[in-house]
């Protein structure tokens, strides 16, 4: 009887996978503030507290808050009288708080202060007689909220360089201004702005860049690691604009094998076969526990080493609304 050749220790031991963590990643100050607003409101007023739309784009966060007493609805007509209602971090059209006031609902605004800044800029441009071009993605709650700050027809949406090249103002001689969604690709937005400035040299822009610090920092961090790894996993929701932009940024920065996952359960291990160096980051609405779970999933399959690449330090903190800030 022929005996099988013994397996060498080297062959039996899986190769160490090096996980390169992009820093910063995960929660930004606006997301952290929005979650705290819901939690404080539940503590202050008791459950249930209603929230119009997902407070942030992350199922884990939404499920956790729901377990604590938050009820998520799409529109105000689903909110009963006499209970608090919170507006999501993405911002809402002016018609929403107006309807809440008409119904005498106790409304609490969790709009990210950096989104509110874009709202104020759009209002300023409109008040000074300019027609506003909003660079963003159609249907995104932030875009709906920003366009809803101005009268119908006062804002036109620009989604791409092709849109910018083809755009024609409603009438000759009309002064123009542009604003942007806060969670866009920095590179793509820069290209759109270049076209608008070339075609309309007098166009007014924001006093400070609209794309938020957290979006910029996370894109810079994933761009730094992309060329150094064989694959990138971005932890975030499919409807999270900033998370999708991280996948795109990784791809254009040197790592074609970049994937968006919501949880460790969504990892397609077949796409990682033979890979020993992988980058991990998380969108601005993804909690760190999801990163920990992904790392644990790799550890369950074999040895893992961790590297960290830090491109920025974030110390931004936004205050809570006065009624919840004690």
C-alpha atoms as a PDB file:
ATOM      1  CA  UNK A   1       0.000   0.000   0.000  1.00  0.00           C
ATOM      2  CA  UNK A   2       1.454   3.327  -1.013  1.00  0.00           C
ATOM      3  CA  UNK A   3       1.533   5.990   1.671  1.00  0.00           C
ATOM      4  CA  UNK A   4       0.716   9.581   0.838  1.00  0.00           C
ATOM      5  CA  UNK A   5       3.667  11.907   1.017  1.00  0.00           C
ATOM      6  CA  UNK A   6       3.637  13.986   4.189  1.00  0.00           C
ATOM      7  CA  UNK A   7       2.505  17.561   3.796  1.00  0.00           C
ATOM      8  CA  UNK A   8       5.265  20.042   4.543  1.00  0.00           C
ATOM      9  CA  UNK A   9       4.644  22.613   7.272  1.00  0.00           C
ATOM     10  CA  UNK A  10       5.242  25.323   4.727  1.00  0.00           C
ATOM     11  CA  UNK A  11       2.484  24.035   2.446  1.00  0.00           C
ATOM     12  CA  UNK A  12       0.038  23.659   5.334  1.00  0.00           C
ATOM     13  CA  UNK A  13       0.510  27.159   6.654  1.00  0.00           C
ATOM     14  CA  UNK A  14      -1.507  29.825   4.803  1.00  0.00           C
ATOM     15  CA  UNK A  15       0.299  32.948   3.772  1.00  0.00           C
ATOM     16  CA  UNK A  16      -0.014  35.974   6.041  1.00  0.00           C
ATOM     17  CA  UNK A  17      -2.443  38.552   4.698  1.00  0.00           C
ATOM     18  CA  UNK A  18      -1.388  42.126   5.275  1.00  0.00           C
ATOM     19  CA  UNK A  19      -4.330  44.450   5.825  1.00  0.00           C
ATOM     20  CA  UNK A  20      -3.532  48.081   5.084  1.00  0.00           C
ATOM     21  CA  UNK A  21      -5.971  50.325   6.924  1.00  0.00           C
ATOM     22  CA  UNK A  22      -6.630  53.749   5.435  1.00  0.00           C
ATOM     23  CA  UNK A  23      -6.793  56.498   8.040  1.00  0.00           C
ATOM     24  CA  UNK A  24      -8.968  58.496   8.350  1.00  0.00           C
ATOM     25  CA  UNK A  25     -11.958  56.285   7.596  1.00  0.00           C
ATOM     26  CA  UNK A  26     -15.471  55.770   8.927  1.00  0.00           C
ATOM     27  CA  UNK A  27     -17.588  58.233  10.860  1.00  0.00           C
ATOM     28  CA  UNK A  28     -17.226  61.944  10.162  1.00  0.00           C
ATOM     29  CA  UNK A  29     -18.271  64.700  12.540  1.00  0.00           C
ATOM     30  CA  UNK A  30     -21.602  65.251  10.782  1.00  0.00           C
ATOM     31  CA  UNK A  31     -22.575  61.585  10.995  1.00  0.00           C
ATOM     32  CA  UNK A  32     -21.469  61.345  14.612  1.00  0.00           C
ATOM     33  CA  UNK A  33     -23.548  64.426  15.450  1.00  0.00           C
ATOM     34  CA  UNK A  34     -26.641  63.069  13.677  1.00  0.00           C
ATOM     35  CA  UNK A  35     -26.487  59.752  15.536  1.00  0.00           C
ATOM     36  CA  UNK A  36     -26.008  61.546  18.854  1.00  0.00           C
ATOM     37  CA  UNK A  37     -29.052  63.719  18.099  1.00  0.00           C
ATOM     38  CA  UNK A  38     -31.257  60.643  17.716  1.00  0.00           C
ATOM     39  CA  UNK A  39     -29.844  59.006  20.840  1.00  0.00           C
ATOM     40  CA  UNK A  40     -30.181  62.171  22.943  1.00  0.00           C
ATOM     41  CA  UNK A  41     -33.721  62.763  21.675  1.00  0.00           C
ATOM     42  CA  UNK A  42     -34.728  59.258  22.752  1.00  0.00           C
ATOM     43  CA  UNK A  43     -33.164  59.849  26.169  1.00  0.00           C
ATOM     44  CA  UNK A  44     -34.789  63.268  26.509  1.00  0.00           C
ATOM     45  CA  UNK A  45     -38.274  62.610  25.154  1.00  0.00           C
ATOM     46  CA  UNK A  46     -38.595  58.845  25.377  1.00  0.00           C
ATOM     47  CA  UNK A  47     -39.414  56.393  22.605  1.00  0.00           C
ATOM     48  CA  UNK A  48     -40.622  56.546  19.978  1.00  0.00           C
ATOM     49  CA  UNK A  49     -38.760  59.318  18.212  1.00  0.00           C
ATOM     50  CA  UNK A  50     -39.468  59.567  14.484  1.00  0.00           C
ATOM     51  CA  UNK A  51     -36.754  60.132  11.868  1.00  0.00           C
ATOM     52  CA  UNK A  52     -37.542  61.246   8.321  1.00  0.00           C
ATOM     53  CA  UNK A  53     -35.425  59.053   6.025  1.00  0.00           C
ATOM     54  CA  UNK A  54     -32.358  57.121   7.167  1.00  0.00           C
ATOM     55  CA  UNK A  55     -30.487  59.362   9.594  1.00  0.00           C
ATOM     56  CA  UNK A  56     -27.318  58.335   7.702  1.00  0.00           C
ATOM     57  CA  UNK A  57     -26.839  55.809   4.913  1.00  0.00           C
ATOM     58  CA  UNK A  58     -25.919  52.715   6.905  1.00  0.00           C
ATOM     59  CA  UNK A  59     -28.174  49.773   7.784  1.00  0.00           C
ATOM     60  CA  UNK A  60     -26.217  48.847  10.899  1.00  0.00           C
ATOM     61  CA  UNK A  61     -26.600  52.350  12.314  1.00  0.00           C
ATOM     62  CA  UNK A  62     -30.295  52.507  11.412  1.00  0.00           C
ATOM     63  CA  UNK A  63     -31.012  49.089  12.934  1.00  0.00           C
ATOM     64  CA  UNK A  64     -29.161  50.001  16.129  1.00  0.00           C
ATOM     65  CA  UNK A  65     -31.124  53.234  16.520  1.00  0.00           C
ATOM     66  CA  UNK A  66     -34.381  51.467  15.724  1.00  0.00           C
ATOM     67  CA  UNK A  67     -33.666  49.015  18.542  1.00  0.00           C
ATOM     68  CA  UNK A  68     -33.286  51.988  20.882  1.00  0.00           C
ATOM     69  CA  UNK A  69     -36.638  53.494  19.907  1.00  0.00           C
ATOM     70  CA  UNK A  70     -36.210  55.379  16.631  1.00  0.00           C
ATOM     71  CA  UNK A  71     -38.895  54.941  13.975  1.00  0.00           C
ATOM     72  CA  UNK A  72     -37.760  55.653  10.421  1.00  0.00           C
ATOM     73  CA  UNK A  73     -40.290  56.975   7.914  1.00  0.00           C
ATOM     74  CA  UNK A  74     -40.135  58.406   4.418  1.00  0.00           C
ATOM     75  CA  UNK A  75     -42.464  61.387   4.790  1.00  0.00           C
ATOM     76  CA  UNK A  76     -44.015  63.532   7.497  1.00  0.00           C
ATOM     77  CA  UNK A  77     -47.502  62.178   6.863  1.00  0.00           C
ATOM     78  CA  UNK A  78     -46.297  58.975   8.539  1.00  0.00           C
ATOM     79  CA  UNK A  79     -45.426  60.874  11.732  1.00  0.00           C
ATOM     80  CA  UNK A  80     -48.232  61.035  14.319  1.00  0.00           C
ATOM     81  CA  UNK A  81     -48.991  64.235  16.187  1.00  0.00           C
ATOM     82  CA  UNK A  82     -47.255  64.905  19.471  1.00  0.00           C
ATOM     83  CA  UNK A  83     -43.943  63.083  18.906  1.00  0.00           C
ATOM     84  CA  UNK A  84     -40.497  64.459  18.006  1.00  0.00           C
ATOM     85  CA  UNK A  85     -39.356  64.153  14.395  1.00  0.00           C
ATOM     86  CA  UNK A  86     -35.730  64.417  13.311  1.00  0.00           C
ATOM     87  CA  UNK A  87     -34.520  65.443   9.861  1.00  0.00           C
ATOM     88  CA  UNK A  88     -31.621  63.368   8.505  1.00  0.00           C
ATOM     89  CA  UNK A  89     -28.001  64.464   8.146  1.00  0.00           C
ATOM     90  CA  UNK A  90     -28.470  64.904   4.381  1.00  0.00           C
ATOM     91  CA  UNK A  91     -30.742  67.933   4.783  1.00  0.00           C
ATOM     92  CA  UNK A  92     -34.302  68.491   3.612  1.00  0.00           C
ATOM     93  CA  UNK A  93     -36.149  70.887   1.290  1.00  0.00           C
ATOM     94  CA  UNK A  94     -37.634  73.958   2.966  1.00  0.00           C
ATOM     95  CA  UNK A  95     -41.100  72.509   2.455  1.00  0.00           C
ATOM     96  CA  UNK A  96     -40.410  69.802   5.056  1.00  0.00           C
ATOM     97  CA  UNK A  97     -39.752  71.997   8.121  1.00  0.00           C
ATOM     98  CA  UNK A  98     -42.563  74.272   6.907  1.00  0.00           C
ATOM     99  CA  UNK A  99     -44.990  71.335   6.977  1.00  0.00           C
ATOM    100  CA  UNK A 100     -43.670  70.256  10.381  1.00  0.00           C
ATOM    101  CA  UNK A 101     -44.291  73.781  11.690  1.00  0.00           C
ATOM    102  CA  UNK A 102     -47.800  73.812  10.210  1.00  0.00           C
ATOM    103  CA  UNK A 103     -48.584  70.593  12.058  1.00  0.00           C
ATOM    104  CA  UNK A 104     -46.856  71.910  15.201  1.00  0.00           C
ATOM    105  CA  UNK A 105     -44.554  68.914  15.295  1.00  0.00           C
ATOM    106  CA  UNK A 106     -41.478  69.054  17.512  1.00  0.00           C
ATOM    107  CA  UNK A 107     -38.859  69.051  14.746  1.00  0.00           C
ATOM    108  CA  UNK A 108     -35.137  68.600  15.369  1.00  0.00           C
ATOM    109  CA  UNK A 109     -32.738  69.258  12.499  1.00  0.00           C
ATOM    110  CA  UNK A 110     -29.785  66.843  12.227  1.00  0.00           C
ATOM    111  CA  UNK A 111     -28.579  68.280   8.907  1.00  0.00           C
ATOM    112  CA  UNK A 112     -24.783  68.218   8.748  1.00  0.00           C
ATOM    113  CA  UNK A 113     -23.495  71.776   9.289  1.00  0.00           C
ATOM    114  CA  UNK A 114     -21.407  71.468   6.117  1.00  0.00           C
ATOM    115  CA  UNK A 115     -24.544  70.665   4.125  1.00  0.00           C
ATOM    116  CA  UNK A 116     -26.289  73.613   5.779  1.00  0.00           C
ATOM    117  CA  UNK A 117     -23.374  75.763   4.587  1.00  0.00           C
ATOM    118  CA  UNK A 118     -24.147  74.760   0.993  1.00  0.00           C
ATOM    119  CA  UNK A 119     -27.815  75.625   1.585  1.00  0.00           C
ATOM    120  CA  UNK A 120     -26.867  79.106   2.788  1.00  0.00           C
ATOM    121  CA  UNK A 121     -24.546  79.635  -0.184  1.00  0.00           C
ATOM    122  CA  UNK A 122     -27.293  78.668  -2.636  1.00  0.00           C
ATOM    123  CA  UNK A 123     -29.678  81.078  -0.913  1.00  0.00           C
ATOM    124  CA  UNK A 124     -27.071  83.848  -0.990  1.00  0.00           C
ATOM    125  CA  UNK A 125     -26.445  83.411  -4.710  1.00  0.00           C
ATOM    126  CA  UNK A 126     -30.170  83.360  -5.410  1.00  0.00           C
ATOM    127  CA  UNK A 127     -30.683  86.471  -3.294  1.00  0.00           C
ATOM    128  CA  UNK A 128     -27.979  88.244  -5.295  1.00  0.00           C
ATOM    129  CA  UNK A 129     -29.742  87.448  -8.560  1.00  0.00           C
ATOM    130  CA  UNK A 130     -27.668  84.469  -9.742  1.00  0.00           C
ATOM    131  CA  UNK A 131     -28.962  81.248 -11.258  1.00  0.00           C
ATOM    132  CA  UNK A 132     -27.477  78.297  -9.344  1.00  0.00           C
ATOM    133  CA  UNK A 133     -25.889  75.225 -10.907  1.00  0.00           C
ATOM    134  CA  UNK A 134     -25.687  72.363  -8.410  1.00  0.00           C
ATOM    135  CA  UNK A 135     -23.060  69.729  -9.122  1.00  0.00           C
ATOM    136  CA  UNK A 136     -24.343  66.447  -7.753  1.00  0.00           C
ATOM    137  CA  UNK A 137     -26.222  63.193  -8.313  1.00  0.00           C
ATOM    138  CA  UNK A 138     -29.895  63.251  -9.190  1.00  0.00           C
ATOM    139  CA  UNK A 139     -32.131  61.699  -6.562  1.00  0.00           C
ATOM    140  CA  UNK A 140     -29.626  61.839  -3.725  1.00  0.00           C
ATOM    141  CA  UNK A 141     -31.282  63.191  -0.546  1.00  0.00           C
ATOM    142  CA  UNK A 142     -28.645  65.902  -0.183  1.00  0.00           C
ATOM    143  CA  UNK A 143     -29.273  67.129  -3.729  1.00  0.00           C
ATOM    144  CA  UNK A 144     -33.040  67.071  -3.193  1.00  0.00           C
ATOM    145  CA  UNK A 145     -32.575  69.052   0.016  1.00  0.00           C
ATOM    146  CA  UNK A 146     -30.262  71.642  -1.522  1.00  0.00           C
ATOM    147  CA  UNK A 147     -32.403  72.192  -4.605  1.00  0.00           C
ATOM    148  CA  UNK A 148     -35.385  72.500  -2.292  1.00  0.00           C
ATOM    149  CA  UNK A 149     -33.905  75.563  -0.603  1.00  0.00           C
ATOM    150  CA  UNK A 150     -34.757  77.694  -3.642  1.00  0.00           C
ATOM    151  CA  UNK A 151     -37.883  78.265  -5.713  1.00  0.00           C
ATOM    152  CA  UNK A 152     -38.589  75.788  -8.494  1.00  0.00           C
ATOM    153  CA  UNK A 153     -36.556  76.600 -11.582  1.00  0.00           C
ATOM    154  CA  UNK A 154     -33.872  78.541  -9.677  1.00  0.00           C
ATOM    155  CA  UNK A 155     -31.419  75.603  -9.683  1.00  0.00           C
ATOM    156  CA  UNK A 156     -30.162  73.349 -12.477  1.00  0.00           C
ATOM    157  CA  UNK A 157     -28.419  70.047 -11.762  1.00  0.00           C
ATOM    158  CA  UNK A 158     -25.067  69.237 -13.375  1.00  0.00           C
ATOM    159  CA  UNK A 159     -24.057  65.587 -12.996  1.00  0.00           C
ATOM    160  CA  UNK A 160     -21.100  65.226 -15.361  1.00  0.00           C
ATOM    161  CA  UNK A 161     -18.546  66.935 -17.565  1.00  0.00           C
ATOM    162  CA  UNK A 162     -20.869  66.235 -20.512  1.00  0.00           C
ATOM    163  CA  UNK A 163     -23.657  68.083 -18.695  1.00  0.00           C
ATOM    164  CA  UNK A 164     -21.326  71.019 -18.063  1.00  0.00           C
ATOM    165  CA  UNK A 165     -20.286  71.146 -21.726  1.00  0.00           C
ATOM    166  CA  UNK A 166     -23.889  71.025 -22.944  1.00  0.00           C
ATOM    167  CA  UNK A 167     -25.462  73.372 -20.403  1.00  0.00           C
ATOM    168  CA  UNK A 168     -27.291  76.437 -21.680  1.00  0.00           C
ATOM    169  CA  UNK A 169     -28.518  79.110 -19.230  1.00  0.00           C
ATOM    170  CA  UNK A 170     -32.269  79.797 -19.187  1.00  0.00           C
ATOM    171  CA  UNK A 171     -31.665  83.193 -20.763  1.00  0.00           C
ATOM    172  CA  UNK A 172     -28.837  85.353 -22.091  1.00  0.00           C
ATOM    173  CA  UNK A 173     -27.056  87.610 -19.650  1.00  0.00           C
ATOM    174  CA  UNK A 174     -28.099  85.601 -16.610  1.00  0.00           C
ATOM    175  CA  UNK A 175     -25.465  85.583 -13.861  1.00  0.00           C
ATOM    176  CA  UNK A 176     -24.487  82.095 -12.745  1.00  0.00           C
ATOM    177  CA  UNK A 177     -23.111  80.474  -9.596  1.00  0.00           C
ATOM    178  CA  UNK A 178     -22.262  76.890  -8.722  1.00  0.00           C
ATOM    179  CA  UNK A 179     -22.405  74.785  -5.578  1.00  0.00           C
ATOM    180  CA  UNK A 180     -21.656  71.108  -5.058  1.00  0.00           C
ATOM    181  CA  UNK A 181     -22.925  68.116  -3.175  1.00  0.00           C
ATOM    182  CA  UNK A 182     -20.556  67.543  -0.226  1.00  0.00           C
ATOM    183  CA  UNK A 183     -19.806  63.867  -0.937  1.00  0.00           C
ATOM    184  CA  UNK A 184     -18.593  63.905  -4.527  1.00  0.00           C
ATOM    185  CA  UNK A 185     -15.371  62.676  -6.079  1.00  0.00           C
ATOM    186  CA  UNK A 186     -12.844  65.468  -5.688  1.00  0.00           C
ATOM    187  CA  UNK A 187     -11.228  64.695  -9.051  1.00  0.00           C
ATOM    188  CA  UNK A 188     -14.490  64.400 -10.994  1.00  0.00           C
ATOM    189  CA  UNK A 189     -15.900  67.577  -9.475  1.00  0.00           C
ATOM    190  CA  UNK A 190     -12.730  69.477 -10.278  1.00  0.00           C
ATOM    191  CA  UNK A 191     -13.121  68.505 -13.934  1.00  0.00           C
ATOM    192  CA  UNK A 192     -16.738  69.710 -14.010  1.00  0.00           C
ATOM    193  CA  UNK A 193     -15.803  73.017 -12.386  1.00  0.00           C
ATOM    194  CA  UNK A 194     -13.002  73.522 -14.918  1.00  0.00           C
ATOM    195  CA  UNK A 195     -15.510  73.192 -17.761  1.00  0.00           C
ATOM    196  CA  UNK A 196     -17.979  75.587 -16.129  1.00  0.00           C
ATOM    197  CA  UNK A 197     -15.267  78.198 -15.496  1.00  0.00           C
ATOM    198  CA  UNK A 198     -14.019  77.873 -19.077  1.00  0.00           C
ATOM    199  CA  UNK A 199     -17.494  78.250 -20.567  1.00  0.00           C
ATOM    200  CA  UNK A 200     -18.735  80.860 -18.090  1.00  0.00           C
ATOM    201  CA  UNK A 201     -15.690  82.836 -16.858  1.00  0.00           C
ATOM    202  CA  UNK A 202     -17.812  85.062 -14.609  1.00  0.00           C
ATOM    203  CA  UNK A 203     -19.486  82.174 -12.765  1.00  0.00           C
ATOM    204  CA  UNK A 204     -19.396  82.581  -8.989  1.00  0.00           C
ATOM    205  CA  UNK A 205     -18.294  79.732  -6.749  1.00  0.00           C
ATOM    206  CA  UNK A 206     -18.367  78.924  -3.053  1.00  0.00           C
ATOM    207  CA  UNK A 207     -16.288  81.019  -0.679  1.00  0.00           C
ATOM    208  CA  UNK A 208     -14.858  77.751   0.568  1.00  0.00           C
ATOM    209  CA  UNK A 209     -14.912  74.363  -1.172  1.00  0.00           C
ATOM    210  CA  UNK A 210     -18.251  72.570  -0.783  1.00  0.00           C
ATOM    211  CA  UNK A 211     -16.899  69.004  -0.791  1.00  0.00           C
ATOM    212  CA  UNK A 212     -16.503  68.311   2.898  1.00  0.00           C
ATOM    213  CA  UNK A 213     -13.223  67.712   4.700  1.00  0.00           C
ATOM    214  CA  UNK A 214     -14.179  64.105   5.525  1.00  0.00           C
ATOM    215  CA  UNK A 215     -14.941  63.187   1.914  1.00  0.00           C
ATOM    216  CA  UNK A 216     -11.665  64.731   0.789  1.00  0.00           C
ATOM    217  CA  UNK A 217      -9.626  63.081   3.548  1.00  0.00           C
ATOM    218  CA  UNK A 218     -11.063  59.615   2.960  1.00  0.00           C
ATOM    219  CA  UNK A 219     -10.454  59.844  -0.775  1.00  0.00           C
ATOM    220  CA  UNK A 220      -6.867  60.973  -0.221  1.00  0.00           C
ATOM    221  CA  UNK A 221      -6.250  58.101   2.199  1.00  0.00           C
ATOM    222  CA  UNK A 222      -7.624  55.391  -0.085  1.00  0.00           C
ATOM    223  CA  UNK A 223      -5.745  56.878  -3.041  1.00  0.00           C
ATOM    224  CA  UNK A 224      -2.519  56.619  -1.032  1.00  0.00           C
ATOM    225  CA  UNK A 225      -2.935  52.903  -0.329  1.00  0.00           C
ATOM    226  CA  UNK A 226      -4.506  51.834  -3.631  1.00  0.00           C
ATOM    227  CA  UNK A 227      -1.244  51.455  -5.550  1.00  0.00           C
ATOM    228  CA  UNK A 228       0.307  49.465  -2.688  1.00  0.00           C
ATOM    229  CA  UNK A 229      -2.283  46.695  -2.431  1.00  0.00           C
ATOM    230  CA  UNK A 230      -3.799  43.984  -4.622  1.00  0.00           C
ATOM    231  CA  UNK A 231      -7.397  44.684  -3.627  1.00  0.00           C
ATOM    232  CA  UNK A 232      -9.415  47.284  -1.711  1.00  0.00           C
ATOM    233  CA  UNK A 233     -12.566  46.709   0.322  1.00  0.00           C
ATOM    234  CA  UNK A 234     -14.670  49.778   1.010  1.00  0.00           C
ATOM    235  CA  UNK A 235     -17.154  49.257   3.824  1.00  0.00           C
ATOM    236  CA  UNK A 236     -20.298  51.259   3.225  1.00  0.00           C
ATOM    237  CA  UNK A 237     -23.836  51.236   1.889  1.00  0.00           C
ATOM    238  CA  UNK A 238     -24.740  51.097  -1.820  1.00  0.00           C
ATOM    239  CA  UNK A 239     -26.767  54.303  -1.400  1.00  0.00           C
ATOM    240  CA  UNK A 240     -23.881  56.106   0.309  1.00  0.00           C
ATOM    241  CA  UNK A 241     -22.422  58.596  -2.151  1.00  0.00           C
ATOM    242  CA  UNK A 242     -19.129  59.053  -0.315  1.00  0.00           C
ATOM    243  CA  UNK A 243     -18.634  55.260  -0.042  1.00  0.00           C
ATOM    244  CA  UNK A 244     -19.196  54.725  -3.767  1.00  0.00           C
ATOM    245  CA  UNK A 245     -16.743  57.516  -4.515  1.00  0.00           C
ATOM    246  CA  UNK A 246     -14.114  55.696  -2.418  1.00  0.00           C
ATOM    247  CA  UNK A 247     -14.437  52.641  -4.668  1.00  0.00           C
ATOM    248  CA  UNK A 248     -14.018  54.827  -7.735  1.00  0.00           C
ATOM    249  CA  UNK A 249     -11.045  56.633  -6.197  1.00  0.00           C
ATOM    250  CA  UNK A 250      -9.292  53.344  -5.406  1.00  0.00           C
ATOM    251  CA  UNK A 251      -9.844  52.131  -8.964  1.00  0.00           C
ATOM    252  CA  UNK A 252      -8.423  55.234 -10.625  1.00  0.00           C
ATOM    253  CA  UNK A 253      -5.542  55.355  -8.146  1.00  0.00           C
ATOM    254  CA  UNK A 254      -4.067  51.997  -9.058  1.00  0.00           C
ATOM    255  CA  UNK A 255      -6.275  49.195  -7.717  1.00  0.00           C
ATOM    256  CA  UNK A 256      -8.785  47.847 -10.217  1.00  0.00           C
ATOM    257  CA  UNK A 257      -9.929  45.183  -7.720  1.00  0.00           C
ATOM    258  CA  UNK A 258     -11.909  47.559  -5.490  1.00  0.00           C
ATOM    259  CA  UNK A 259     -15.239  46.455  -4.028  1.00  0.00           C
ATOM    260  CA  UNK A 260     -18.004  47.955  -1.910  1.00  0.00           C
ATOM    261  CA  UNK A 261     -19.329  45.746   0.888  1.00  0.00           C
ATOM    262  CA  UNK A 262     -21.800  46.491   3.660  1.00  0.00           C
ATOM    263  CA  UNK A 263     -20.589  43.824   6.087  1.00  0.00           C
ATOM    264  CA  UNK A 264     -18.050  41.011   6.355  1.00  0.00           C
ATOM    265  CA  UNK A 265     -20.759  38.615   5.179  1.00  0.00           C
ATOM    266  CA  UNK A 266     -20.618  40.208   1.722  1.00  0.00           C
ATOM    267  CA  UNK A 267     -16.927  39.492   1.123  1.00  0.00           C
ATOM    268  CA  UNK A 268     -16.511  37.456  -2.067  1.00  0.00           C
ATOM    269  CA  UNK A 269     -13.516  35.378  -1.094  1.00  0.00           C
ATOM    270  CA  UNK A 270     -13.159  34.002  -4.623  1.00  0.00           C
ATOM    271  CA  UNK A 271     -12.113  37.477  -5.768  1.00  0.00           C
ATOM    272  CA  UNK A 272      -9.400  37.566  -3.098  1.00  0.00           C
ATOM    273  CA  UNK A 273      -7.835  34.180  -3.838  1.00  0.00           C
ATOM    274  CA  UNK A 274      -4.062  34.436  -3.626  1.00  0.00           C
ATOM    275  CA  UNK A 275      -4.121  38.045  -2.480  1.00  0.00           C
ATOM    276  CA  UNK A 276      -1.766  38.767   0.404  1.00  0.00           C
ATOM    277  CA  UNK A 277      -2.006  42.536   0.617  1.00  0.00           C
ATOM    278  CA  UNK A 278      -5.408  44.195   0.874  1.00  0.00           C
ATOM    279  CA  UNK A 279      -6.533  47.723   1.666  1.00  0.00           C
ATOM    280  CA  UNK A 280      -9.547  48.474   3.833  1.00  0.00           C
ATOM    281  CA  UNK A 281     -11.409  51.718   4.355  1.00  0.00           C
ATOM    282  CA  UNK A 282     -14.919  52.752   5.340  1.00  0.00           C
ATOM    283  CA  UNK A 283     -17.333  55.423   4.211  1.00  0.00           C
ATOM    284  CA  UNK A 284     -18.225  58.342   6.455  1.00  0.00           C
ATOM    285  CA  UNK A 285     -21.426  56.683   7.703  1.00  0.00           C
ATOM    286  CA  UNK A 286     -19.923  53.240   8.429  1.00  0.00           C
ATOM    287  CA  UNK A 287     -19.199  52.436  12.099  1.00  0.00           C
ATOM    288  CA  UNK A 288     -15.788  51.072  13.090  1.00  0.00           C
ATOM    289  CA  UNK A 289     -17.391  47.845  14.364  1.00  0.00           C
ATOM    290  CA  UNK A 290     -17.903  46.851  10.720  1.00  0.00           C
ATOM    291  CA  UNK A 291     -14.180  47.295  10.051  1.00  0.00           C
ATOM    292  CA  UNK A 292     -13.415  45.141  13.098  1.00  0.00           C
ATOM    293  CA  UNK A 293     -15.742  42.424  11.804  1.00  0.00           C
ATOM    294  CA  UNK A 294     -14.033  42.395   8.398  1.00  0.00           C
ATOM    295  CA  UNK A 295     -10.613  42.077  10.027  1.00  0.00           C
ATOM    296  CA  UNK A 296     -11.963  39.255  12.215  1.00  0.00           C
ATOM    297  CA  UNK A 297     -13.225  37.470   9.103  1.00  0.00           C
ATOM    298  CA  UNK A 298      -9.715  37.545   7.637  1.00  0.00           C
ATOM    299  CA  UNK A 299      -8.199  36.349  10.922  1.00  0.00           C
ATOM    300  CA  UNK A 300     -10.610  33.408  10.931  1.00  0.00           C
ATOM    301  CA  UNK A 301      -9.065  32.255   7.637  1.00  0.00           C
ATOM    302  CA  UNK A 302      -5.401  32.635   8.547  1.00  0.00           C
ATOM    303  CA  UNK A 303      -2.652  34.863   9.895  1.00  0.00           C
ATOM    304  CA  UNK A 304      -3.083  38.610   9.482  1.00  0.00           C
ATOM    305  CA  UNK A 305      -0.791  41.575   9.964  1.00  0.00           C
ATOM    306  CA  UNK A 306      -2.014  45.152  10.165  1.00  0.00           C
ATOM    307  CA  UNK A 307      -0.483  48.262   8.647  1.00  0.00           C
ATOM    308  CA  UNK A 308      -1.925  51.775   8.965  1.00  0.00           C
ATOM    309  CA  UNK A 309      -1.485  54.586   6.486  1.00  0.00           C
ATOM    310  CA  UNK A 310      -2.500  57.970   7.888  1.00  0.00           C
ATOM    311  CA  UNK A 311      -2.890  60.963   5.582  1.00  0.00           C
ATOM    312  CA  UNK A 312      -4.726  63.391   7.884  1.00  0.00           C
ATOM    313  CA  UNK A 313      -5.730  63.899  11.507  1.00  0.00           C
ATOM    314  CA  UNK A 314      -9.372  64.831  12.102  1.00  0.00           C
ATOM    315  CA  UNK A 315     -10.408  66.798  15.168  1.00  0.00           C
ATOM    316  CA  UNK A 316     -13.642  68.328  13.884  1.00  0.00           C
ATOM    317  CA  UNK A 317     -16.573  68.235  16.308  1.00  0.00           C
ATOM    318  CA  UNK A 318     -20.005  69.742  15.659  1.00  0.00           C
ATOM    319  CA  UNK A 319     -22.202  70.976  18.489  1.00  0.00           C
ATOM    320  CA  UNK A 320     -25.573  69.414  19.137  1.00  0.00           C
ATOM    321  CA  UNK A 321     -28.764  71.503  18.967  1.00  0.00           C
ATOM    322  CA  UNK A 322     -29.081  73.578  22.182  1.00  0.00           C
ATOM    323  CA  UNK A 323     -32.136  71.645  23.399  1.00  0.00           C
ATOM    324  CA  UNK A 324     -30.100  68.393  23.386  1.00  0.00           C
ATOM    325  CA  UNK A 325     -26.735  69.802  24.399  1.00  0.00           C
ATOM    326  CA  UNK A 326     -27.042  69.155  28.126  1.00  0.00           C
END
